Amino acid sequence: MYQFNILVDSKLEVNKGIITCNKPSKTELDLWCINCDFISFCWEFYDNYIYMYLKEKDIKVYLYTCHNTKEYNFIFNNLYNDGIISNIYI
């Protein structure tokens, strides 16, 4: 979080976010939302409740990493998100 705090304190006009490969608690989400514009989650540790909670706080939600069309189809058809980060051409 130290590097993130440097960015927040700099007052640069950039979108600030966090990339995580964990399923955070509600308390962690609340802390992250204070200075974040987006959060990117590994799709394997994600559920739609996270999306709905973050949308209430006007935070964009991205999912990564989509390795193949089977994963893409699952993400597209089952998981709410604002975008997918992919290793394949979609």
N, C-alpha and C. Protein backbone atom coordinates (compact mmCIF):
# COMPACT_ATOMS: atom_id res chain seq x y z
N MET A 1 0.81 -1.19 0.00
CA MET A 1 0.00 0.00 0.00
C MET A 1 0.86 1.27 0.00
N TYR A 2 2.13 1.15 0.36
CA TYR A 2 2.99 2.33 0.42
C TYR A 2 3.06 3.04 -0.93
N GLN A 3 3.26 2.28 -2.02
CA GLN A 3 3.34 2.89 -3.34
C GLN A 3 2.02 3.55 -3.71
N PHE A 4 0.93 2.94 -3.34
CA PHE A 4 -0.38 3.52 -3.63
C PHE A 4 -0.56 4.84 -2.90
N ASN A 5 -0.12 4.90 -1.67
CA ASN A 5 -0.23 6.14 -0.89
C ASN A 5 0.59 7.27 -1.52
N ILE A 6 1.75 6.95 -2.06
CA ILE A 6 2.56 7.96 -2.74
C ILE A 6 1.77 8.54 -3.92
N LEU A 7 1.12 7.68 -4.68
CA LEU A 7 0.33 8.13 -5.83
C LEU A 7 -0.85 8.99 -5.39
N VAL A 8 -1.55 8.57 -4.36
CA VAL A 8 -2.69 9.34 -3.86
C VAL A 8 -2.22 10.71 -3.37
N ASP A 9 -1.14 10.74 -2.63
CA ASP A 9 -0.63 12.00 -2.08
C ASP A 9 -0.10 12.95 -3.16
N SER A 10 0.28 12.40 -4.31
CA SER A 10 0.84 13.23 -5.38
C SER A 10 -0.20 14.13 -6.05
N LYS A 11 -1.48 13.79 -5.93
CA LYS A 11 -2.59 14.55 -6.53
C LYS A 11 -2.54 14.55 -8.07
N LEU A 12 -1.83 13.57 -8.66
CA LEU A 12 -1.80 13.45 -10.11
C LEU A 12 -3.20 13.11 -10.63
N GLU A 13 -3.53 13.58 -11.82
CA GLU A 13 -4.82 13.30 -12.43
C GLU A 13 -4.76 11.95 -13.15
N VAL A 14 -4.77 10.88 -12.39
CA VAL A 14 -4.76 9.53 -12.94
C VAL A 14 -5.84 8.71 -12.23
N ASN A 15 -6.31 7.66 -12.90
CA ASN A 15 -7.21 6.72 -12.24
C ASN A 15 -6.37 5.81 -11.36
N LYS A 16 -6.76 5.68 -10.12
CA LYS A 16 -6.01 4.87 -9.18
C LYS A 16 -6.79 3.61 -8.87
N GLY A 17 -6.06 2.49 -8.81
CA GLY A 17 -6.73 1.24 -8.54
C GLY A 17 -5.83 0.22 -7.90
N ILE A 18 -6.44 -0.89 -7.59
CA ILE A 18 -5.75 -2.01 -6.96
C ILE A 18 -6.02 -3.26 -7.78
N ILE A 19 -4.99 -4.08 -7.92
CA ILE A 19 -5.11 -5.38 -8.57
C ILE A 19 -4.85 -6.42 -7.50
N THR A 20 -5.78 -7.36 -7.36
CA THR A 20 -5.64 -8.36 -6.30
C THR A 20 -5.99 -9.75 -6.80
N CYS A 21 -5.33 -10.73 -6.21
CA CYS A 21 -5.61 -12.13 -6.51
C CYS A 21 -6.20 -12.80 -5.27
N ASN A 22 -6.91 -12.02 -4.47
CA ASN A 22 -7.53 -12.52 -3.25
C ASN A 22 -9.01 -12.17 -3.26
N LYS A 23 -9.76 -12.85 -2.41
CA LYS A 23 -11.16 -12.48 -2.21
C LYS A 23 -11.20 -11.66 -0.93
N PRO A 24 -11.33 -10.33 -1.06
CA PRO A 24 -11.24 -9.46 0.11
C PRO A 24 -12.49 -9.50 0.98
N SER A 25 -12.30 -9.14 2.23
CA SER A 25 -13.43 -8.99 3.14
C SER A 25 -14.11 -7.65 2.86
N LYS A 26 -15.29 -7.46 3.42
CA LYS A 26 -16.00 -6.19 3.27
C LYS A 26 -15.17 -5.04 3.86
N THR A 27 -14.50 -5.31 4.96
CA THR A 27 -13.65 -4.29 5.60
C THR A 27 -12.51 -3.87 4.66
N GLU A 28 -11.88 -4.85 4.02
CA GLU A 28 -10.81 -4.53 3.07
C GLU A 28 -11.36 -3.72 1.90
N LEU A 29 -12.50 -4.12 1.37
CA LEU A 29 -13.10 -3.36 0.27
C LEU A 29 -13.36 -1.92 0.68
N ASP A 30 -13.88 -1.73 1.87
CA ASP A 30 -14.16 -0.37 2.35
C ASP A 30 -12.88 0.46 2.41
N LEU A 31 -11.80 -0.13 2.87
CA LEU A 31 -10.53 0.60 2.94
C LEU A 31 -10.00 0.93 1.55
N TRP A 32 -10.10 -0.02 0.63
CA TRP A 32 -9.61 0.20 -0.73
C TRP A 32 -10.42 1.27 -1.45
N CYS A 33 -11.70 1.35 -1.16
CA CYS A 33 -12.58 2.28 -1.88
C CYS A 33 -12.31 3.74 -1.55
N ILE A 34 -11.62 4.00 -0.48
CA ILE A 34 -11.40 5.38 -0.06
C ILE A 34 -10.71 6.20 -1.15
N ASN A 35 -9.70 5.63 -1.81
CA ASN A 35 -8.93 6.37 -2.81
C ASN A 35 -8.86 5.67 -4.17
N CYS A 36 -9.72 4.70 -4.41
CA CYS A 36 -9.65 3.93 -5.65
C CYS A 36 -10.73 4.35 -6.65
N ASP A 37 -10.34 4.28 -7.93
CA ASP A 37 -11.30 4.45 -9.01
C ASP A 37 -11.72 3.10 -9.58
N PHE A 38 -10.85 2.10 -9.43
CA PHE A 38 -11.15 0.76 -9.93
C PHE A 38 -10.44 -0.29 -9.08
N ILE A 39 -10.96 -1.51 -9.13
CA ILE A 39 -10.30 -2.66 -8.53
C ILE A 39 -10.37 -3.78 -9.54
N SER A 40 -9.25 -4.45 -9.75
CA SER A 40 -9.18 -5.57 -10.68
C SER A 40 -8.97 -6.86 -9.90
N PHE A 41 -9.83 -7.83 -10.15
CA PHE A 41 -9.81 -9.10 -9.44
C PHE A 41 -9.48 -10.25 -10.38
N CYS A 42 -8.77 -11.26 -9.86
CA CYS A 42 -8.66 -12.53 -10.57
C CYS A 42 -10.07 -13.12 -10.58
N TRP A 43 -10.55 -13.50 -11.74
CA TRP A 43 -11.93 -13.95 -11.86
C TRP A 43 -12.21 -15.20 -11.02
N GLU A 44 -11.17 -15.96 -10.69
CA GLU A 44 -11.36 -17.18 -9.92
C GLU A 44 -11.67 -16.92 -8.44
N PHE A 45 -11.37 -15.71 -7.95
CA PHE A 45 -11.60 -15.35 -6.55
C PHE A 45 -12.65 -14.25 -6.42
N TYR A 46 -13.63 -14.26 -7.28
CA TYR A 46 -14.56 -13.16 -7.43
C TYR A 46 -15.99 -13.68 -7.44
N ASP A 47 -16.92 -12.87 -6.93
CA ASP A 47 -18.33 -13.20 -7.08
C ASP A 47 -19.12 -11.92 -7.33
N ASN A 48 -20.34 -12.07 -7.76
CA ASN A 48 -21.16 -10.93 -8.15
C ASN A 48 -21.55 -10.04 -6.97
N TYR A 49 -21.47 -10.55 -5.75
CA TYR A 49 -21.74 -9.71 -4.58
C TYR A 49 -20.70 -8.61 -4.46
N ILE A 50 -19.45 -8.92 -4.80
CA ILE A 50 -18.39 -7.91 -4.78
C ILE A 50 -18.74 -6.81 -5.77
N TYR A 51 -19.16 -7.19 -6.97
CA TYR A 51 -19.51 -6.21 -8.00
C TYR A 51 -20.63 -5.29 -7.51
N MET A 52 -21.69 -5.88 -6.99
CA MET A 52 -22.84 -5.07 -6.55
C MET A 52 -22.44 -4.12 -5.42
N TYR A 53 -21.61 -4.59 -4.51
CA TYR A 53 -21.15 -3.75 -3.41
C TYR A 53 -20.31 -2.59 -3.92
N LEU A 54 -19.39 -2.86 -4.84
CA LEU A 54 -18.53 -1.81 -5.36
C LEU A 54 -19.28 -0.83 -6.27
N LYS A 55 -20.29 -1.28 -6.97
CA LYS A 55 -21.07 -0.38 -7.82
C LYS A 55 -21.83 0.64 -6.96
N GLU A 56 -22.24 0.24 -5.77
CA GLU A 56 -22.87 1.19 -4.84
C GLU A 56 -21.92 2.31 -4.47
N LYS A 57 -20.62 2.03 -4.54
CA LYS A 57 -19.61 3.01 -4.18
C LYS A 57 -18.99 3.66 -5.43
N ASP A 58 -19.58 3.38 -6.60
CA ASP A 58 -19.14 3.96 -7.87
C ASP A 58 -17.68 3.60 -8.21
N ILE A 59 -17.31 2.34 -7.95
CA ILE A 59 -15.98 1.82 -8.26
C ILE A 59 -16.10 0.88 -9.45
N LYS A 60 -15.23 1.07 -10.45
CA LYS A 60 -15.21 0.17 -11.60
C LYS A 60 -14.56 -1.16 -11.19
N VAL A 61 -15.04 -2.25 -11.82
CA VAL A 61 -14.57 -3.59 -11.50
C VAL A 61 -14.10 -4.28 -12.79
N TYR A 62 -12.84 -4.71 -12.77
CA TYR A 62 -12.28 -5.44 -13.91
C TYR A 62 -11.87 -6.82 -13.45
N LEU A 63 -11.94 -7.78 -14.37
CA LEU A 63 -11.54 -9.16 -14.07
C LEU A 63 -10.39 -9.56 -14.97
N TYR A 64 -9.47 -10.35 -14.43
CA TYR A 64 -8.34 -10.88 -15.18
C TYR A 64 -8.16 -12.33 -14.80
N THR A 65 -7.36 -13.05 -15.32
CA THR A 65 -6.82 -13.10 -16.66
C THR A 65 -7.58 -14.19 -17.38
N CYS A 66 -8.07 -13.84 -18.51
CA CYS A 66 -8.82 -14.77 -19.34
C CYS A 66 -7.83 -15.44 -20.31
N HIS A 67 -7.62 -16.75 -20.16
CA HIS A 67 -6.62 -17.47 -20.94
C HIS A 67 -7.17 -18.15 -22.19
N ASN A 68 -8.47 -18.43 -22.22
CA ASN A 68 -9.02 -19.18 -23.34
C ASN A 68 -10.52 -18.87 -23.48
N THR A 69 -11.11 -19.36 -24.55
CA THR A 69 -12.52 -19.04 -24.82
C THR A 69 -13.46 -19.68 -23.78
N LYS A 70 -13.09 -20.81 -23.22
CA LYS A 70 -13.92 -21.43 -22.19
C LYS A 70 -14.02 -20.51 -20.97
N GLU A 71 -12.89 -19.97 -20.53
CA GLU A 71 -12.89 -19.02 -19.40
C GLU A 71 -13.66 -17.76 -19.78
N TYR A 72 -13.43 -17.26 -20.98
CA TYR A 72 -14.12 -16.05 -21.43
C TYR A 72 -15.64 -16.26 -21.40
N ASN A 73 -16.10 -17.36 -21.93
CA ASN A 73 -17.54 -17.63 -21.94
C ASN A 73 -18.11 -17.71 -20.54
N PHE A 74 -17.37 -18.32 -19.61
CA PHE A 74 -17.83 -18.39 -18.23
C PHE A 74 -17.92 -16.99 -17.62
N ILE A 75 -16.87 -16.20 -17.78
CA ILE A 75 -16.85 -14.84 -17.23
C ILE A 75 -17.98 -14.01 -17.84
N PHE A 76 -18.09 -14.05 -19.16
CA PHE A 76 -19.08 -13.24 -19.88
C PHE A 76 -20.50 -13.60 -19.47
N ASN A 77 -20.76 -14.88 -19.29
CA ASN A 77 -22.13 -15.34 -19.01
C ASN A 77 -22.50 -15.37 -17.53
N ASN A 78 -21.51 -15.30 -16.63
CA ASN A 78 -21.82 -15.50 -15.21
C ASN A 78 -21.35 -14.41 -14.26
N LEU A 79 -20.38 -13.61 -14.64
CA LEU A 79 -19.79 -12.67 -13.69
C LEU A 79 -19.99 -11.23 -14.16
N TYR A 80 -20.57 -10.39 -13.29
CA TYR A 80 -20.74 -8.97 -13.59
C TYR A 80 -19.38 -8.29 -13.55
N ASN A 81 -19.11 -7.41 -14.51
CA ASN A 81 -17.83 -6.70 -14.54
C ASN A 81 -17.93 -5.51 -15.48
N ASP A 82 -16.94 -4.62 -15.38
CA ASP A 82 -16.86 -3.46 -16.27
C ASP A 82 -15.84 -3.68 -17.38
N GLY A 83 -15.13 -4.79 -17.35
CA GLY A 83 -14.16 -5.11 -18.38
C GLY A 83 -13.36 -6.35 -18.03
N ILE A 84 -12.80 -6.96 -19.06
CA ILE A 84 -12.01 -8.20 -18.88
C ILE A 84 -10.61 -7.95 -19.42
N ILE A 85 -9.62 -8.33 -18.63
CA ILE A 85 -8.22 -8.27 -19.06
C ILE A 85 -7.87 -9.69 -19.52
N SER A 86 -7.38 -9.80 -20.75
CA SER A 86 -7.28 -11.10 -21.38
C SER A 86 -5.91 -11.37 -21.99
N ASN A 87 -5.54 -12.65 -22.02
CA ASN A 87 -4.35 -13.09 -22.73
C ASN A 87 -4.67 -13.52 -24.16
N ILE A 88 -5.94 -13.50 -24.51
CA ILE A 88 -6.37 -13.93 -25.84
C ILE A 88 -7.10 -12.79 -26.54
N TYR A 89 -7.18 -12.89 -27.85
CA TYR A 89 -7.96 -11.93 -28.62
C TYR A 89 -9.43 -12.24 -28.41
N ILE A 90 -10.18 -11.26 -27.95
CA ILE A 90 -11.61 -11.47 -27.69
C ILE A 90 -12.41 -10.88 -28.83
